[in-house]
Every structure is written in C-alpha cells, then in structure tokens.
Amino acid sequence: MDIIETIIATVMIIALLFVLIGAITTMRDFVDVNGWIEIFIGLIVMKIVSATKIKVNNF
C-alpha cells in the first residue's frame, strides 16, 4: 500500500512541475502552444491520479 501511495505522490509532483513549467513558458510567450499543452497534460494527469487514489483508498 505504501508503494502505491509513494508512486501516486511522485506522479502528482511531476504533474505539478509540468503545470509550473508550462505556466512559466506561457508567461514568457503567451501564444506558446507547448506551454498550454504542458499545463493541460499536467492537469489531466492530476485528475486521473486523484481518481485512482480514491479507488485505491476504497479497496
């Protein structure tokens, strides 16, 4: 159980970094598509991970 939670936490941190990096690139160049894509990927991953975390906790 601890291993799963560690993996979930690591994935969340990586997703947060993606969002932050995307936000920084978007701030520098607002029309930069890569920044927006990174933000959306990060947010989607965080949604999936939180849904998985709820399922794992229910078992």
N, C-alpha and C. Protein backbone atom coordinates (compact mmCIF):
# COMPACT_ATOMS: atom_id res chain seq x y z
N MET A 1 0.83 -1.21 0.00
CA MET A 1 0.00 0.00 0.00
C MET A 1 0.87 1.26 0.00
N ASP A 2 1.94 1.24 0.79
CA ASP A 2 2.82 2.41 0.87
C ASP A 2 3.47 2.70 -0.48
N ILE A 3 3.82 1.62 -1.21
CA ILE A 3 4.48 1.80 -2.50
C ILE A 3 3.54 2.52 -3.46
N ILE A 4 2.27 2.11 -3.47
CA ILE A 4 1.29 2.73 -4.37
C ILE A 4 1.15 4.21 -4.04
N GLU A 5 1.06 4.54 -2.74
CA GLU A 5 0.90 5.94 -2.34
C GLU A 5 2.13 6.76 -2.72
N THR A 6 3.33 6.16 -2.60
CA THR A 6 4.55 6.85 -2.99
C THR A 6 4.54 7.14 -4.49
N ILE A 7 4.14 6.15 -5.28
CA ILE A 7 4.07 6.34 -6.74
C ILE A 7 3.08 7.45 -7.07
N ILE A 8 1.90 7.42 -6.41
CA ILE A 8 0.88 8.44 -6.65
C ILE A 8 1.43 9.82 -6.33
N ALA A 9 2.11 9.95 -5.18
CA ALA A 9 2.67 11.24 -4.78
C ALA A 9 3.71 11.72 -5.80
N THR A 10 4.58 10.81 -6.25
CA THR A 10 5.61 11.17 -7.23
C THR A 10 4.98 11.67 -8.53
N VAL A 11 3.96 10.94 -9.01
CA VAL A 11 3.29 11.34 -10.25
C VAL A 11 2.64 12.71 -10.08
N MET A 12 2.04 12.97 -8.91
CA MET A 12 1.41 14.26 -8.65
C MET A 12 2.44 15.38 -8.71
N ILE A 13 3.62 15.14 -8.09
CA ILE A 13 4.68 16.16 -8.08
C ILE A 13 5.14 16.44 -9.51
N ILE A 14 5.34 15.37 -10.31
CA ILE A 14 5.77 15.55 -11.69
C ILE A 14 4.72 16.34 -12.47
N ALA A 15 3.43 16.03 -12.25
CA ALA A 15 2.36 16.75 -12.93
C ALA A 15 2.36 18.22 -12.54
N LEU A 16 2.59 18.49 -11.24
CA LEU A 16 2.66 19.88 -10.78
C LEU A 16 3.81 20.61 -11.45
N LEU A 17 4.97 19.94 -11.57
CA LEU A 17 6.11 20.55 -12.24
C LEU A 17 5.76 20.87 -13.69
N PHE A 18 5.08 19.93 -14.36
CA PHE A 18 4.63 20.17 -15.74
C PHE A 18 3.80 21.43 -15.81
N VAL A 19 2.84 21.57 -14.89
CA VAL A 19 1.96 22.75 -14.89
C VAL A 19 2.77 24.01 -14.66
N LEU A 20 3.71 23.97 -13.71
CA LEU A 20 4.53 25.15 -13.41
C LEU A 20 5.39 25.54 -14.60
N ILE A 21 6.07 24.55 -15.20
CA ILE A 21 6.93 24.83 -16.35
C ILE A 21 6.09 25.40 -17.50
N GLY A 22 4.92 24.79 -17.71
CA GLY A 22 4.02 25.29 -18.75
C GLY A 22 3.60 26.72 -18.48
N ALA A 23 3.29 27.01 -17.21
CA ALA A 23 2.86 28.36 -16.84
C ALA A 23 3.99 29.36 -17.10
N ILE A 24 5.22 28.98 -16.76
CA ILE A 24 6.37 29.88 -16.95
C ILE A 24 6.58 30.15 -18.45
N THR A 25 6.56 29.08 -19.27
CA THR A 25 6.75 29.29 -20.72
C THR A 25 5.62 30.12 -21.29
N THR A 26 4.40 29.91 -20.80
CA THR A 26 3.26 30.67 -21.32
C THR A 26 3.39 32.14 -20.92
N MET A 27 3.91 32.40 -19.72
CA MET A 27 4.09 33.79 -19.28
C MET A 27 5.09 34.50 -20.19
N ARG A 28 6.16 33.79 -20.57
CA ARG A 28 7.17 34.41 -21.41
C ARG A 28 6.62 34.71 -22.80
N ASP A 29 5.89 33.73 -23.36
CA ASP A 29 5.35 33.89 -24.71
C ASP A 29 3.92 33.36 -24.70
N PHE A 30 2.95 34.27 -24.61
CA PHE A 30 1.56 33.89 -24.35
C PHE A 30 0.98 32.98 -25.43
N VAL A 31 1.51 33.09 -26.66
CA VAL A 31 0.95 32.32 -27.77
C VAL A 31 1.66 30.97 -27.89
N ASP A 32 2.57 30.66 -26.95
CA ASP A 32 3.33 29.42 -26.99
C ASP A 32 2.40 28.23 -26.71
N VAL A 33 2.17 27.42 -27.76
CA VAL A 33 1.23 26.31 -27.64
C VAL A 33 1.77 25.24 -26.69
N ASN A 34 3.09 25.01 -26.72
CA ASN A 34 3.68 23.97 -25.88
C ASN A 34 3.40 24.20 -24.40
N GLY A 35 3.45 25.45 -23.97
CA GLY A 35 3.16 25.78 -22.58
C GLY A 35 1.75 25.38 -22.20
N TRP A 36 0.80 25.71 -23.08
CA TRP A 36 -0.61 25.36 -22.81
C TRP A 36 -0.78 23.85 -22.78
N ILE A 37 -0.13 23.14 -23.73
CA ILE A 37 -0.24 21.68 -23.78
C ILE A 37 0.30 21.08 -22.48
N GLU A 38 1.45 21.59 -22.00
CA GLU A 38 2.03 21.09 -20.76
C GLU A 38 1.08 21.31 -19.59
N ILE A 39 0.46 22.48 -19.53
CA ILE A 39 -0.48 22.77 -18.44
C ILE A 39 -1.63 21.77 -18.48
N PHE A 40 -2.19 21.56 -19.67
CA PHE A 40 -3.35 20.65 -19.77
C PHE A 40 -2.95 19.22 -19.45
N ILE A 41 -1.78 18.77 -19.94
CA ILE A 41 -1.32 17.41 -19.63
C ILE A 41 -1.17 17.25 -18.12
N GLY A 42 -0.54 18.24 -17.48
CA GLY A 42 -0.37 18.18 -16.03
C GLY A 42 -1.69 18.10 -15.29
N LEU A 43 -2.65 18.94 -15.69
CA LEU A 43 -3.96 18.94 -15.03
C LEU A 43 -4.70 17.63 -15.25
N ILE A 44 -4.64 17.09 -16.47
CA ILE A 44 -5.32 15.83 -16.77
C ILE A 44 -4.71 14.70 -15.94
N VAL A 45 -3.37 14.66 -15.88
CA VAL A 45 -2.69 13.62 -15.10
C VAL A 45 -3.11 13.72 -13.63
N MET A 46 -3.18 14.96 -13.11
CA MET A 46 -3.57 15.14 -11.70
C MET A 46 -4.99 14.65 -11.47
N LYS A 47 -5.90 14.92 -12.43
CA LYS A 47 -7.28 14.43 -12.32
C LYS A 47 -7.31 12.90 -12.26
N ILE A 48 -6.57 12.27 -13.20
CA ILE A 48 -6.55 10.80 -13.27
C ILE A 48 -5.99 10.23 -11.97
N VAL A 49 -4.88 10.84 -11.49
CA VAL A 49 -4.24 10.33 -10.28
C VAL A 49 -5.17 10.46 -9.08
N SER A 50 -5.87 11.59 -8.96
CA SER A 50 -6.77 11.75 -7.81
C SER A 50 -7.92 10.76 -7.89
N ALA A 51 -8.41 10.47 -9.10
CA ALA A 51 -9.47 9.47 -9.25
C ALA A 51 -8.95 8.09 -8.87
N THR A 52 -7.72 7.77 -9.29
CA THR A 52 -7.11 6.49 -8.95
C THR A 52 -6.92 6.38 -7.45
N LYS A 53 -6.49 7.49 -6.82
CA LYS A 53 -6.25 7.49 -5.38
C LYS A 53 -7.54 7.17 -4.63
N ILE A 54 -8.65 7.72 -5.08
CA ILE A 54 -9.94 7.46 -4.43
C ILE A 54 -10.29 5.98 -4.57
N LYS A 55 -10.08 5.42 -5.77
CA LYS A 55 -10.37 4.00 -5.99
C LYS A 55 -9.49 3.13 -5.10
N VAL A 56 -8.19 3.46 -5.01
CA VAL A 56 -7.25 2.67 -4.20
C VAL A 56 -7.66 2.71 -2.74
N ASN A 57 -8.07 3.88 -2.25
CA ASN A 57 -8.47 4.02 -0.85
C ASN A 57 -9.73 3.24 -0.54
N ASN A 58 -10.60 3.04 -1.53
CA ASN A 58 -11.85 2.32 -1.28
C ASN A 58 -11.63 0.83 -1.13
N PHE A 59 -10.53 0.29 -1.66
CA PHE A 59 -10.29 -1.15 -1.58
C PHE A 59 -9.84 -1.57 -0.21
